[in-house]
Amino acid sequence: MLISADAVGQVWWENSSQGPDCSAAFNDGRGVGYNEGFNAGHLNGEASGQANMLAACQANPNGCGIYLGACLAAPQYGETEPNDNIVTADALLGDTKFWGQAYGMEDQDWFYVVTSEPNQNMTINFSVPTGSVSGWQIAVRDAAGNIFAQFDAGAVPGSTSPQGDISYRVTLGLVGTYYISLQPTALNYEPYNLAVVIQSSPLETQNFIAGFYDAELEPNDGPQSASPLATGVAMFGVINLNFEPGTEVPDPDGDGFQYSQGLDDDWYVYDSPGNEVLALEICGHAECTNGNWLFSLYDAAGAAQEAAGNYATPLLAVNSDIGNNDRYVVGLGSPGPYYLRVTHKRLLTAPCAAYQTDWNNDGRPSGPPGSEATPQACGCESGYRCDLTVANPSRRVVEEATWPVCPFDFGSATEQCQATCECTGTGCALSSDPAVPCSCGGNATQCRVFVPNPGTPTVAETVEYGLCPDGSGGGTSPQCTIGCLCTQFSGVIEVPDGAVTSQYNFSVFGTNLPPSTVNSDAFPAFQGRPNPYTP
């Protein structure tokens, strides 16, 4: 085994009693080296720790006890009343506190900032130097005043500093003007401080100008005026009160009547590429208030039939309760427009508002023969269907004439009588009435001829009936039985006590897919995978 010279020398130095004593020098050198290494490590560790600390605090200033409010100078500017709306909003200076004050529950304070580039981060700092930040509602709005962020100042978690100020962040996608509105939620006259800090962000996502949600375009009471639907965007609508005479319904709380809802149908249209799964999400964007809802989906033919006042079977028909986030899925096979009608959910006991005839008794509205089967208005005393008795539409009158007996030599009772025509040298005449001329062919001296019965007939009328439109009756049956169907239900709806007007919202989500999972490319691959349950 080879041993290095350094190792041999050290062993010699530690065990030798000869030569100079080097232990002191060794100890001194070891101490110097230790101190130099410790100092270098300490300084390097401190520098590294400081860098890490700065990065962590920059990412989460509040976690390091650094709050925006402590970095802002005392307020030097105040709101200029009136600044109660978007037009009179005060401009905010960046990194500068503003002071303001509410002068009543209805007082709103509006401010605005202007961004210089897309996707800038805005931090809102709010404080009440003399009290709590609770009791203030703060909203961030776009250039048109639409709210896209709103919070209660006292309910922002993890953002309140020991000094009582809160910070709230939001990224502003588009370049332009943004508004901040404040309003007290309780009687509160304490002054507040407001500041905003705008910072650039590395986010490069393109932001598009689009509505936060859509609203029905009135009037949209039929398929021809339906409001268009965009997939994934919430649509808001209102079922309006009906003030038309004759639409009143009994007041459940006493005598008299009240105006009804439910007779205002809202129609929407969705253009499908076909082979699509369409999901209908009801009350998903916000809670639907004061009403239950009936959603019915039709293809173009069904919508046209409904618009003409005739019943059409919907592709989808669902009832939805207040506030439920209901989701229903339907497959659309053919490309083209599909129409969604929204009205109030009807009670199972709701009275009928309009009836139409069912002449064929097949359960569908239809009209009498010869009128292109156009249904007619009818009525039932109660219920949703009744039978009506009508005159047989195939009634026909047959006239039959009875003639007296012929007065001539052949006694028959017909319209034409047989008589004898005799010819002499002076001419031919009836033997029974020489005043009536006649003729015989050739050189015949006598022949039989037909002449009108000189008597007056007796006319008798006989009525005959064909089959009724449903195949019944006929013969001598003068009447047919037809159906009378309810095709429109009244505005008696499920609403909470005291409610008068209802708003709703819904979204449609279209996913263009193969006709079914079985027809997809993924299904054969799935079938080809190993399966422990098959031999």
Protein backbone atom coordinates (compact mmCIF):
# COMPACT_ATOMS: atom_id res chain seq x y z
CA MET A 1 0.00 0.00 0.00
CA LEU A 2 1.29 3.42 -0.94
CA ILE A 3 1.18 6.19 1.63
CA SER A 4 1.53 9.82 0.60
CA ALA A 5 4.40 11.90 1.78
CA ASP A 6 2.04 14.39 3.45
CA ALA A 7 0.47 11.63 5.50
CA VAL A 8 3.87 10.28 6.49
CA GLY A 9 5.01 13.73 7.50
CA GLN A 10 1.91 14.35 9.61
CA VAL A 11 2.27 11.02 11.40
CA TRP A 12 5.87 11.82 11.98
CA TRP A 13 5.01 15.28 13.28
CA GLU A 14 2.41 13.98 15.73
CA ASN A 15 4.55 11.11 17.11
CA SER A 16 8.09 12.38 16.88
CA SER A 17 9.89 13.73 19.85
CA GLN A 18 12.65 14.99 17.66
CA GLY A 19 12.85 18.19 15.71
CA PRO A 20 11.21 21.56 16.35
CA ASP A 21 7.85 21.87 18.17
CA CYS A 22 5.30 22.94 15.39
CA SER A 23 2.06 22.41 17.35
CA ALA A 24 1.54 26.09 18.08
CA ALA A 25 1.95 27.10 14.47
CA PHE A 26 -0.44 24.35 13.39
CA ASN A 27 -3.12 25.44 15.84
CA ASP A 28 -2.76 29.04 14.77
CA GLY A 29 -3.14 28.14 11.13
CA ARG A 30 -6.15 25.99 11.80
CA GLY A 31 -7.86 28.83 13.69
CA VAL A 32 -7.17 31.34 10.93
CA GLY A 33 -8.56 29.02 8.32
CA TYR A 34 -11.68 28.30 10.35
CA ASN A 35 -12.39 32.01 10.87
CA GLU A 36 -11.91 32.80 7.20
CA GLY A 37 -14.20 29.98 6.12
CA PHE A 38 -16.88 30.90 8.66
CA ASN A 39 -16.83 34.55 7.60
CA ALA A 40 -17.04 33.66 3.92
CA GLY A 41 -19.91 31.23 4.48
CA HIS A 42 -21.78 33.66 6.69
CA LEU A 43 -21.51 36.46 4.16
CA ASN A 44 -22.50 34.22 1.27
CA GLY A 45 -25.45 32.82 3.24
CA GLU A 46 -26.59 36.25 4.26
CA ALA A 47 -26.49 37.52 0.69
CA SER A 48 -28.35 34.48 -0.58
CA GLY A 49 -30.91 34.68 2.20
CA GLN A 50 -31.48 38.35 1.55
CA ALA A 51 -32.12 37.71 -2.14
CA ASN A 52 -34.56 34.92 -1.34
CA MET A 53 -36.29 37.08 1.23
CA LEU A 54 -36.67 39.96 -1.24
CA ALA A 55 -38.12 37.65 -3.86
CA ALA A 56 -40.57 36.11 -1.38
CA CYS A 57 -41.68 39.49 -0.09
CA GLN A 58 -42.08 40.84 -3.58
CA ALA A 59 -44.34 37.89 -4.43
CA ASN A 60 -46.31 38.22 -1.17
CA PRO A 61 -45.74 41.61 0.46
CA ASN A 62 -48.46 41.06 3.04
CA GLY A 63 -46.77 37.84 4.17
CA CYS A 64 -43.71 39.88 5.11
CA GLY A 65 -45.74 42.45 6.93
CA ILE A 66 -45.33 44.97 4.12
CA TYR A 67 -48.67 46.60 3.25
CA LEU A 68 -49.40 48.97 0.42
CA GLY A 69 -50.99 51.49 2.69
CA ALA A 70 -47.74 51.96 4.60
CA CYS A 71 -45.93 52.83 1.35
CA LEU A 72 -48.34 55.58 0.30
CA ALA A 73 -48.12 59.17 1.33
CA ALA A 74 -50.88 60.80 3.33
CA PRO A 75 -53.89 61.86 1.20
CA GLN A 76 -53.60 65.23 -0.44
CA TYR A 77 -56.62 65.05 -2.73
CA GLY A 78 -60.30 64.50 -2.08
CA GLU A 79 -63.35 63.54 -4.08
CA THR A 80 -65.21 66.38 -5.75
CA GLU A 81 -68.93 66.10 -5.19
CA PRO A 82 -71.04 65.32 -7.02
CA ASN A 83 -69.19 62.29 -8.31
CA ASP A 84 -72.19 59.99 -8.05
CA ASN A 85 -72.11 58.42 -11.49
CA ILE A 86 -69.93 57.45 -14.42
CA VAL A 87 -70.11 60.88 -16.02
CA THR A 88 -68.93 62.86 -12.98
CA ALA A 89 -66.27 60.37 -11.82
CA ASP A 90 -63.02 61.77 -10.36
CA ALA A 91 -59.70 60.88 -11.97
CA LEU A 92 -57.35 58.96 -9.65
CA LEU A 93 -53.62 59.71 -9.54
CA GLY A 94 -51.49 56.59 -9.36
CA ASP A 95 -49.77 55.73 -6.07
CA THR A 96 -51.69 58.55 -4.34
CA LYS A 97 -54.31 58.37 -1.63
CA PHE A 98 -57.64 60.09 -2.10
CA TRP A 99 -59.99 60.80 0.72
CA GLY A 100 -63.75 60.62 0.46
CA GLN A 101 -66.86 60.38 2.56
CA ALA A 102 -70.41 59.09 2.19
CA TYR A 103 -73.17 61.61 2.80
CA GLY A 104 -75.97 59.05 3.00
CA MET A 105 -76.91 55.48 2.19
CA GLU A 106 -77.70 56.43 -1.41
CA ASP A 107 -74.45 58.35 -1.98
CA GLN A 108 -72.09 56.72 -4.48
CA ASP A 109 -68.52 57.85 -5.12
CA TRP A 110 -67.07 57.19 -8.58
CA PHE A 111 -63.42 57.33 -9.65
CA TYR A 112 -61.59 56.29 -12.80
CA VAL A 113 -58.14 55.28 -14.07
CA VAL A 114 -56.82 54.87 -17.62
CA THR A 115 -54.54 51.97 -18.50
CA SER A 116 -51.69 52.42 -21.00
CA GLU A 117 -51.15 48.81 -22.10
CA PRO A 118 -53.06 45.49 -22.06
CA ASN A 119 -53.19 43.19 -19.03
CA GLN A 120 -52.07 45.69 -16.42
CA ASN A 121 -52.50 44.78 -12.76
CA MET A 122 -54.47 47.20 -10.61
CA THR A 123 -54.18 47.08 -6.83
CA ILE A 124 -56.89 48.92 -4.93
CA ASN A 125 -56.00 50.08 -1.42
CA PHE A 126 -58.88 51.09 0.86
CA SER A 127 -58.74 52.22 4.46
CA VAL A 128 -60.88 53.97 7.04
CA PRO A 129 -58.41 55.76 9.35
CA THR A 130 -60.97 56.25 12.11
CA GLY A 131 -62.63 52.84 12.08
CA SER A 132 -63.33 49.53 10.35
CA VAL A 133 -63.36 48.97 6.59
CA SER A 134 -66.55 46.92 6.90
CA GLY A 135 -69.76 48.36 5.52
CA TRP A 136 -68.41 49.46 2.14
CA GLN A 137 -69.13 47.83 -1.20
CA ILE A 138 -66.50 48.47 -3.88
CA ALA A 139 -67.01 47.64 -7.56
CA VAL A 140 -64.62 47.63 -10.50
CA ARG A 141 -66.35 48.49 -13.76
CA ASP A 142 -65.47 48.62 -17.43
CA ALA A 143 -65.74 51.69 -19.66
CA ALA A 144 -69.50 51.17 -20.08
CA GLY A 145 -70.12 50.76 -16.35
CA ASN A 146 -70.53 46.96 -16.33
CA ILE A 147 -69.39 45.40 -13.06
CA PHE A 148 -66.77 42.66 -13.43
CA ALA A 149 -65.40 42.67 -9.87
CA GLN A 150 -67.24 43.58 -6.68
CA PHE A 151 -66.45 42.98 -3.03
CA ASP A 152 -67.27 44.03 0.50
CA ALA A 153 -64.23 45.80 1.90
CA GLY A 154 -64.59 43.98 5.19
CA ALA A 155 -64.70 40.53 3.59
CA VAL A 156 -61.44 40.38 1.61
CA PRO A 157 -59.55 37.48 3.26
CA GLY A 158 -55.88 37.71 4.11
CA SER A 159 -55.44 41.28 2.91
CA THR A 160 -56.05 43.43 5.98
CA SER A 161 -52.96 45.05 7.45
CA PRO A 162 -52.42 45.81 11.15
CA GLN A 163 -53.29 49.40 10.27
CA GLY A 164 -56.72 48.28 9.01
CA ASP A 165 -56.31 48.91 5.26
CA ILE A 166 -57.11 46.27 2.65
CA SER A 167 -55.68 45.59 -0.80
CA TYR A 168 -57.55 44.01 -3.69
CA ARG A 169 -56.03 43.07 -7.04
CA VAL A 170 -57.49 42.65 -10.50
CA THR A 171 -55.94 42.43 -13.98
CA LEU A 172 -57.38 44.85 -16.56
CA GLY A 173 -57.30 43.17 -19.96
CA LEU A 174 -57.97 46.03 -22.37
CA VAL A 175 -56.41 49.45 -22.77
CA GLY A 176 -58.80 52.20 -21.72
CA THR A 177 -60.85 53.62 -18.89
CA TYR A 178 -61.92 51.67 -15.81
CA TYR A 179 -64.13 52.88 -12.98
CA ILE A 180 -64.18 52.22 -9.25
CA SER A 181 -67.44 52.90 -7.43
CA LEU A 182 -67.97 52.89 -3.66
CA GLN A 183 -71.21 52.82 -1.72
CA PRO A 184 -71.91 52.26 1.98
CA THR A 185 -73.90 49.17 2.90
CA ALA A 186 -74.77 50.61 6.30
CA LEU A 187 -75.29 54.09 7.71
CA ASN A 188 -71.69 55.27 7.68
CA TYR A 189 -70.30 58.80 7.60
CA GLU A 190 -66.67 58.03 8.39
CA PRO A 191 -64.13 59.30 5.85
CA TYR A 192 -62.11 56.78 3.88
CA ASN A 193 -58.87 56.70 1.90
CA LEU A 194 -58.64 55.21 -1.60
CA ALA A 195 -55.58 54.61 -3.75
CA VAL A 196 -54.75 52.57 -6.85
CA VAL A 197 -51.42 51.29 -8.12
CA ILE A 198 -51.13 50.26 -11.79
CA GLN A 199 -48.32 47.82 -12.69
CA SER A 200 -47.41 46.07 -15.91
CA SER A 201 -47.59 42.29 -16.05
CA PRO A 202 -45.88 39.71 -18.27
CA LEU A 203 -49.26 38.32 -19.34
CA GLU A 204 -49.61 38.44 -23.15
CA THR A 205 -53.07 36.90 -23.49
CA GLN A 206 -55.24 38.80 -25.97
CA ASN A 207 -58.45 40.11 -24.50
CA PHE A 208 -61.49 40.60 -26.75
CA ILE A 209 -64.29 43.11 -26.50
CA ALA A 210 -67.43 41.13 -25.65
CA GLY A 211 -70.37 41.42 -23.33
CA PHE A 212 -70.23 39.87 -19.91
CA TYR A 213 -73.64 38.48 -20.75
CA ASP A 214 -76.36 39.01 -23.32
CA ALA A 215 -79.94 40.19 -22.87
CA GLU A 216 -83.09 39.43 -24.81
CA LEU A 217 -83.96 41.92 -27.54
CA GLU A 218 -87.61 42.85 -27.12
CA PRO A 219 -89.94 42.23 -28.76
CA ASN A 220 -88.95 38.57 -29.10
CA ASP A 221 -92.40 37.07 -28.64
CA GLY A 222 -92.12 34.69 -31.60
CA PRO A 223 -89.59 32.70 -33.67
CA GLN A 224 -89.48 35.40 -36.35
CA SER A 225 -88.08 37.91 -33.82
CA ALA A 226 -86.01 35.50 -31.70
CA SER A 227 -82.89 36.83 -29.96
CA PRO A 228 -79.67 35.07 -31.07
CA LEU A 229 -77.74 32.85 -28.65
CA ALA A 230 -73.94 32.59 -28.41
CA THR A 231 -72.55 29.40 -26.94
CA GLY A 232 -71.21 29.77 -23.42
CA VAL A 233 -72.54 33.32 -22.87
CA ALA A 234 -75.28 33.84 -20.29
CA MET A 235 -78.56 35.27 -21.59
CA PHE A 236 -80.73 37.35 -19.27
CA GLY A 237 -84.44 37.88 -19.76
CA VAL A 238 -87.58 39.08 -18.00
CA ILE A 239 -91.12 37.76 -18.16
CA ASN A 240 -93.13 40.96 -18.34
CA LEU A 241 -96.43 41.67 -16.69
CA ASN A 242 -99.44 41.48 -18.97
CA PHE A 243 -101.79 44.45 -18.83
CA GLU A 244 -104.02 43.35 -21.67
CA PRO A 245 -107.72 43.38 -20.79
CA GLY A 246 -108.99 39.90 -20.17
CA THR A 247 -105.65 38.55 -18.94
CA GLU A 248 -106.41 39.16 -15.28
CA VAL A 249 -106.35 36.18 -12.94
CA PRO A 250 -108.13 35.84 -9.59
CA ASP A 251 -106.34 37.44 -6.68
CA PRO A 252 -105.45 34.58 -4.28
CA ASP A 253 -105.39 36.97 -1.31
CA GLY A 254 -108.89 38.26 -1.64
CA ASP A 255 -111.62 39.41 -3.97
CA GLY A 256 -110.93 40.93 -7.34
CA PHE A 257 -108.21 40.26 -9.88
CA GLN A 258 -104.54 40.91 -10.46
CA TYR A 259 -102.53 41.21 -13.65
CA SER A 260 -100.75 38.05 -14.70
CA GLN A 261 -97.38 36.95 -15.93
CA GLY A 262 -96.66 33.97 -18.10
CA LEU A 263 -98.30 35.22 -21.30
CA ASP A 264 -95.06 36.93 -22.42
CA ASP A 265 -93.16 34.25 -24.33
CA ASP A 266 -89.46 34.93 -24.94
CA TRP A 267 -87.95 33.24 -28.01
CA TYR A 268 -84.27 32.61 -28.76
CA VAL A 269 -82.51 31.08 -31.76
CA TYR A 270 -79.33 28.97 -31.83
CA ASP A 271 -77.59 28.01 -35.10
CA SER A 272 -76.23 24.49 -34.88
CA PRO A 273 -73.73 22.87 -37.29
CA GLY A 274 -75.46 19.53 -36.65
CA ASN A 275 -74.22 16.41 -34.85
CA GLU A 276 -73.93 18.56 -31.77
CA VAL A 277 -74.46 18.02 -28.08
CA LEU A 278 -76.20 21.09 -26.67
CA ALA A 279 -76.18 21.66 -22.92
CA LEU A 280 -78.76 24.04 -21.43
CA GLU A 281 -77.64 25.51 -18.11
CA ILE A 282 -80.40 27.37 -16.27
CA CYS A 283 -79.74 30.02 -13.60
CA GLY A 284 -75.99 29.33 -13.77
CA HIS A 285 -74.74 32.93 -14.02
CA ALA A 286 -76.91 34.36 -11.26
CA GLU A 287 -79.83 33.26 -9.12
CA CYS A 288 -83.14 33.39 -10.94
CA THR A 289 -85.64 35.36 -8.92
CA ASN A 290 -89.37 35.31 -8.36
CA GLY A 291 -90.51 32.63 -10.74
CA ASN A 292 -90.23 29.08 -12.01
CA TRP A 293 -89.48 28.53 -15.64
CA LEU A 294 -90.49 26.38 -18.60
CA PHE A 295 -87.87 25.96 -21.35
CA SER A 296 -88.99 24.37 -24.65
CA LEU A 297 -86.68 23.64 -27.60
CA TYR A 298 -88.01 23.31 -31.19
CA ASP A 299 -86.55 22.78 -34.62
CA ALA A 300 -87.47 25.26 -37.37
CA ALA A 301 -90.59 23.33 -38.42
CA GLY A 302 -91.85 23.02 -34.86
CA ALA A 303 -91.24 26.69 -34.16
CA ALA A 304 -93.17 27.69 -37.28
CA GLN A 305 -96.04 25.44 -36.25
CA GLU A 306 -96.11 27.00 -32.78
CA ALA A 307 -95.96 30.51 -34.27
CA ALA A 308 -99.03 29.65 -36.38
CA GLY A 309 -100.95 28.79 -33.21
CA ASN A 310 -100.72 25.03 -33.64
CA TYR A 311 -99.27 22.62 -31.13
CA ALA A 312 -95.83 21.16 -31.90
CA THR A 313 -94.02 18.54 -29.86
CA PRO A 314 -90.83 20.13 -28.47
CA LEU A 315 -87.43 18.45 -28.73
CA LEU A 316 -86.79 19.32 -25.09
CA ALA A 317 -89.16 20.68 -22.46
CA VAL A 318 -88.09 21.15 -18.84
CA ASN A 319 -89.33 22.96 -15.75
CA SER A 320 -86.77 24.68 -13.55
CA ASP A 321 -87.21 25.96 -10.02
CA ILE A 322 -86.01 29.26 -8.57
CA GLY A 323 -82.28 29.51 -8.00
CA ASN A 324 -81.41 25.99 -9.15
CA ASN A 325 -78.35 25.56 -11.32
CA ASP A 326 -80.03 22.98 -13.54
CA ARG A 327 -78.26 21.48 -16.56
CA TYR A 328 -79.94 19.49 -19.33
CA VAL A 329 -78.33 17.94 -22.42
CA VAL A 330 -79.90 17.24 -25.81
CA GLY A 331 -78.42 16.02 -29.09
CA LEU A 332 -79.05 18.00 -32.31
CA GLY A 333 -78.72 15.86 -35.43
CA SER A 334 -79.42 18.18 -38.35
CA PRO A 335 -77.72 21.53 -39.01
CA GLY A 336 -79.84 24.64 -38.91
CA PRO A 337 -81.60 26.99 -36.49
CA TYR A 338 -83.13 25.72 -33.27
CA TYR A 339 -85.56 27.82 -31.24
CA LEU A 340 -85.81 28.02 -27.47
CA ARG A 341 -88.97 29.40 -25.88
CA VAL A 342 -88.91 30.58 -22.26
CA THR A 343 -92.07 31.18 -20.28
CA HIS A 344 -93.28 30.53 -16.77
CA LYS A 345 -93.63 26.99 -15.56
CA ARG A 346 -97.29 26.15 -15.40
CA LEU A 347 -98.92 24.43 -12.49
CA LEU A 348 -100.56 21.07 -13.04
CA THR A 349 -103.75 22.78 -11.90
CA ALA A 350 -103.35 25.93 -14.03
CA PRO A 351 -106.55 26.84 -15.90
CA CYS A 352 -106.59 26.84 -19.67
CA ALA A 353 -106.32 30.18 -21.44
CA ALA A 354 -107.23 29.07 -25.00
CA TYR A 355 -108.76 26.00 -26.62
CA GLN A 356 -108.68 24.74 -30.23
CA THR A 357 -110.77 22.14 -32.05
CA ASP A 358 -109.68 18.57 -32.72
CA TRP A 359 -111.97 17.55 -35.57
CA ASN A 360 -110.17 14.25 -36.18
CA ASN A 361 -110.23 13.24 -32.51
CA ASP A 362 -106.55 12.29 -32.76
CA GLY A 363 -105.36 14.44 -29.85
CA ARG A 364 -103.98 17.25 -32.03
CA PRO A 365 -105.58 20.54 -33.03
CA SER A 366 -107.26 20.35 -36.43
CA GLY A 367 -110.03 22.05 -38.36
CA PRO A 368 -113.08 20.90 -40.32
CA PRO A 369 -112.73 19.37 -43.81
CA GLY A 370 -112.30 21.88 -46.60
CA SER A 371 -110.58 24.52 -44.46
CA GLU A 372 -107.00 23.19 -44.80
CA ALA A 373 -107.42 21.67 -41.33
CA THR A 374 -107.03 25.07 -39.64
CA PRO A 375 -108.05 24.67 -35.97
CA GLN A 376 -110.89 26.80 -34.68
CA ALA A 377 -111.36 28.39 -31.29
CA CYS A 378 -113.59 26.47 -28.90
CA GLY A 379 -114.15 26.24 -25.18
CA CYS A 380 -114.63 23.82 -22.31
CA GLU A 381 -116.27 24.54 -18.98
CA SER A 382 -113.30 22.99 -17.15
CA GLY A 383 -110.31 20.75 -17.67
CA TYR A 384 -107.93 20.56 -20.59
CA ARG A 385 -110.16 18.60 -23.00
CA CYS A 386 -113.84 18.08 -23.67
CA ASP A 387 -116.11 16.72 -26.40
CA LEU A 388 -118.27 18.99 -28.51
CA THR A 389 -121.26 18.10 -30.70
CA VAL A 390 -121.24 19.78 -34.14
CA ALA A 391 -123.27 19.39 -37.33
CA ASN A 392 -121.99 16.66 -39.63
CA PRO A 393 -119.93 18.59 -42.21
CA SER A 394 -120.81 16.09 -44.97
CA ARG A 395 -124.58 16.74 -44.79
CA ARG A 396 -126.32 16.76 -48.21
CA VAL A 397 -129.99 17.21 -49.22
CA VAL A 398 -131.51 14.89 -51.87
CA GLU A 399 -134.76 16.03 -53.60
CA GLU A 400 -137.24 13.37 -54.88
CA ALA A 401 -140.25 14.31 -57.08
CA THR A 402 -143.51 12.23 -57.10
CA TRP A 403 -145.57 12.65 -60.31
CA PRO A 404 -149.32 12.03 -60.72
CA VAL A 405 -150.58 9.17 -62.90
CA CYS A 406 -150.36 9.95 -66.57
CA PRO A 407 -153.82 10.85 -67.95
CA PHE A 408 -153.22 9.01 -71.19
CA ASP A 409 -153.75 5.48 -72.29
CA PHE A 410 -150.75 4.14 -70.42
CA GLY A 411 -151.18 4.97 -66.76
CA SER A 412 -147.77 5.48 -65.22
CA ALA A 413 -146.60 8.00 -62.58
CA THR A 414 -143.43 9.31 -64.21
CA GLU A 415 -142.11 12.59 -65.50
CA GLN A 416 -142.61 11.36 -69.10
CA CYS A 417 -145.88 9.72 -70.17
CA GLN A 418 -146.41 7.32 -73.06
CA ALA A 419 -149.14 8.24 -75.52
CA THR A 420 -150.44 7.07 -78.95
CA CYS A 421 -149.74 9.22 -81.94
CA GLU A 422 -152.18 8.67 -84.87
CA CYS A 423 -151.55 9.94 -88.36
CA THR A 424 -154.27 10.72 -90.91
CA GLY A 425 -154.31 12.57 -94.16
CA THR A 426 -154.51 15.85 -92.29
CA GLY A 427 -151.52 15.15 -90.00
CA CYS A 428 -150.51 13.42 -86.76
CA ALA A 429 -151.87 14.13 -83.23
CA LEU A 430 -152.21 12.38 -79.92
CA SER A 431 -155.17 10.14 -79.83
CA SER A 432 -155.93 11.24 -76.30
CA ASP A 433 -155.55 14.94 -77.11
CA PRO A 434 -155.91 15.88 -80.75
CA ALA A 435 -154.66 19.38 -79.95
CA VAL A 436 -151.14 18.08 -79.19
CA PRO A 437 -149.21 17.41 -82.42
CA CYS A 438 -146.81 14.51 -82.76
CA SER A 439 -145.04 12.59 -85.47
CA CYS A 440 -144.39 9.03 -86.55
CA GLY A 441 -141.55 7.95 -88.73
CA GLY A 442 -142.03 6.65 -92.26
CA ASN A 443 -145.57 5.95 -93.42
CA ALA A 444 -146.76 4.61 -90.08
CA THR A 445 -150.30 5.54 -89.19
CA GLN A 446 -149.78 5.01 -85.48
CA CYS A 447 -146.82 4.97 -83.05
CA ARG A 448 -146.01 5.37 -79.38
CA VAL A 449 -144.36 8.62 -78.22
CA PHE A 450 -143.22 10.16 -74.87
CA VAL A 451 -144.67 13.48 -73.79
CA PRO A 452 -144.23 15.47 -70.53
CA ASN A 453 -146.58 14.54 -67.76
CA PRO A 454 -149.10 17.36 -67.74
CA GLY A 455 -149.61 16.96 -64.00
CA THR A 456 -147.72 18.84 -61.20
CA PRO A 457 -145.22 16.74 -59.24
CA THR A 458 -144.98 16.62 -55.47
CA VAL A 459 -141.34 17.28 -54.32
CA ALA A 460 -140.02 15.61 -51.12
CA GLU A 461 -136.55 16.31 -49.61
CA THR A 462 -134.37 13.56 -48.09
CA VAL A 463 -131.21 14.42 -46.01
CA GLU A 464 -128.20 12.10 -46.18
CA TYR A 465 -124.92 12.21 -44.14
CA GLY A 466 -121.42 10.98 -44.90
CA LEU A 467 -118.91 9.78 -42.33
CA CYS A 468 -117.64 12.16 -39.66
CA PRO A 469 -113.97 13.33 -39.94
CA ASP A 470 -112.86 10.66 -37.46
CA GLY A 471 -114.65 7.91 -39.44
CA SER A 472 -117.69 7.58 -37.18
CA GLY A 473 -121.33 8.35 -37.88
CA GLY A 474 -122.69 8.59 -41.41
CA GLY A 475 -126.02 7.49 -42.82
CA THR A 476 -128.78 9.33 -41.03
CA SER A 477 -126.55 10.66 -38.19
CA PRO A 478 -126.87 14.48 -38.32
CA GLN A 479 -124.13 15.21 -35.73
CA CYS A 480 -120.47 14.45 -35.11
CA THR A 481 -118.45 14.50 -31.89
CA ILE A 482 -115.15 16.42 -32.05
CA GLY A 483 -112.54 17.20 -29.40
CA CYS A 484 -111.74 20.56 -27.85
CA LEU A 485 -108.09 20.76 -26.65
CA CYS A 486 -106.26 23.22 -24.41
CA THR A 487 -103.39 24.73 -26.41
CA GLN A 488 -102.45 27.68 -24.20
CA PHE A 489 -102.27 27.76 -20.43
CA SER A 490 -103.05 30.71 -18.23
CA GLY A 491 -100.63 33.00 -16.46
CA VAL A 492 -101.25 31.40 -13.09
CA ILE A 493 -97.67 30.59 -12.14
CA GLU A 494 -95.55 29.57 -9.20
CA VAL A 495 -94.12 32.73 -7.65
CA PRO A 496 -93.34 33.59 -4.04
CA ASP A 497 -95.93 35.56 -2.10
CA GLY A 498 -95.82 39.23 -2.99
CA ALA A 499 -93.65 38.78 -6.10
CA VAL A 500 -94.75 40.64 -9.22
CA THR A 501 -91.93 40.45 -11.78
CA SER A 502 -89.42 37.71 -12.55
CA GLN A 503 -86.03 37.64 -14.25
CA TYR A 504 -84.09 34.60 -15.38
CA ASN A 505 -80.80 33.68 -17.02
CA PHE A 506 -79.46 30.68 -18.88
CA SER A 507 -76.54 29.61 -21.07
CA VAL A 508 -76.17 27.12 -23.90
CA PHE A 509 -72.95 25.19 -24.47
CA GLY A 510 -72.60 23.56 -27.89
CA THR A 511 -70.05 20.78 -28.50
CA ASN A 512 -69.72 19.61 -32.10
CA LEU A 513 -69.14 15.84 -31.95
CA PRO A 514 -69.71 12.70 -34.00
CA PRO A 515 -73.34 11.54 -33.92
CA SER A 516 -72.47 9.37 -30.90
CA THR A 517 -69.51 8.02 -28.97
CA VAL A 518 -69.89 4.75 -30.87
CA ASN A 519 -69.09 6.60 -34.11
CA SER A 520 -65.99 8.31 -32.75
CA ASP A 521 -62.40 7.32 -33.55
CA ALA A 522 -61.76 6.73 -29.87
CA PHE A 523 -64.31 3.93 -29.54
CA PRO A 524 -62.52 1.31 -31.71
CA ALA A 525 -59.30 2.06 -29.82
CA PHE A 526 -61.16 1.55 -26.56
CA GLN A 527 -62.50 -1.78 -27.77
CA GLY A 528 -58.99 -2.89 -28.70
CA ARG A 529 -57.54 -2.38 -25.23
CA PRO A 530 -56.79 -5.46 -23.08
CA ASN A 531 -59.73 -6.37 -20.91
CA PRO A 532 -59.30 -8.77 -17.98
CA TYR A 533 -63.01 -9.59 -18.01
CA THR A 534 -62.97 -11.17 -21.46
CA PRO A 535 -61.19 -14.49 -22.25
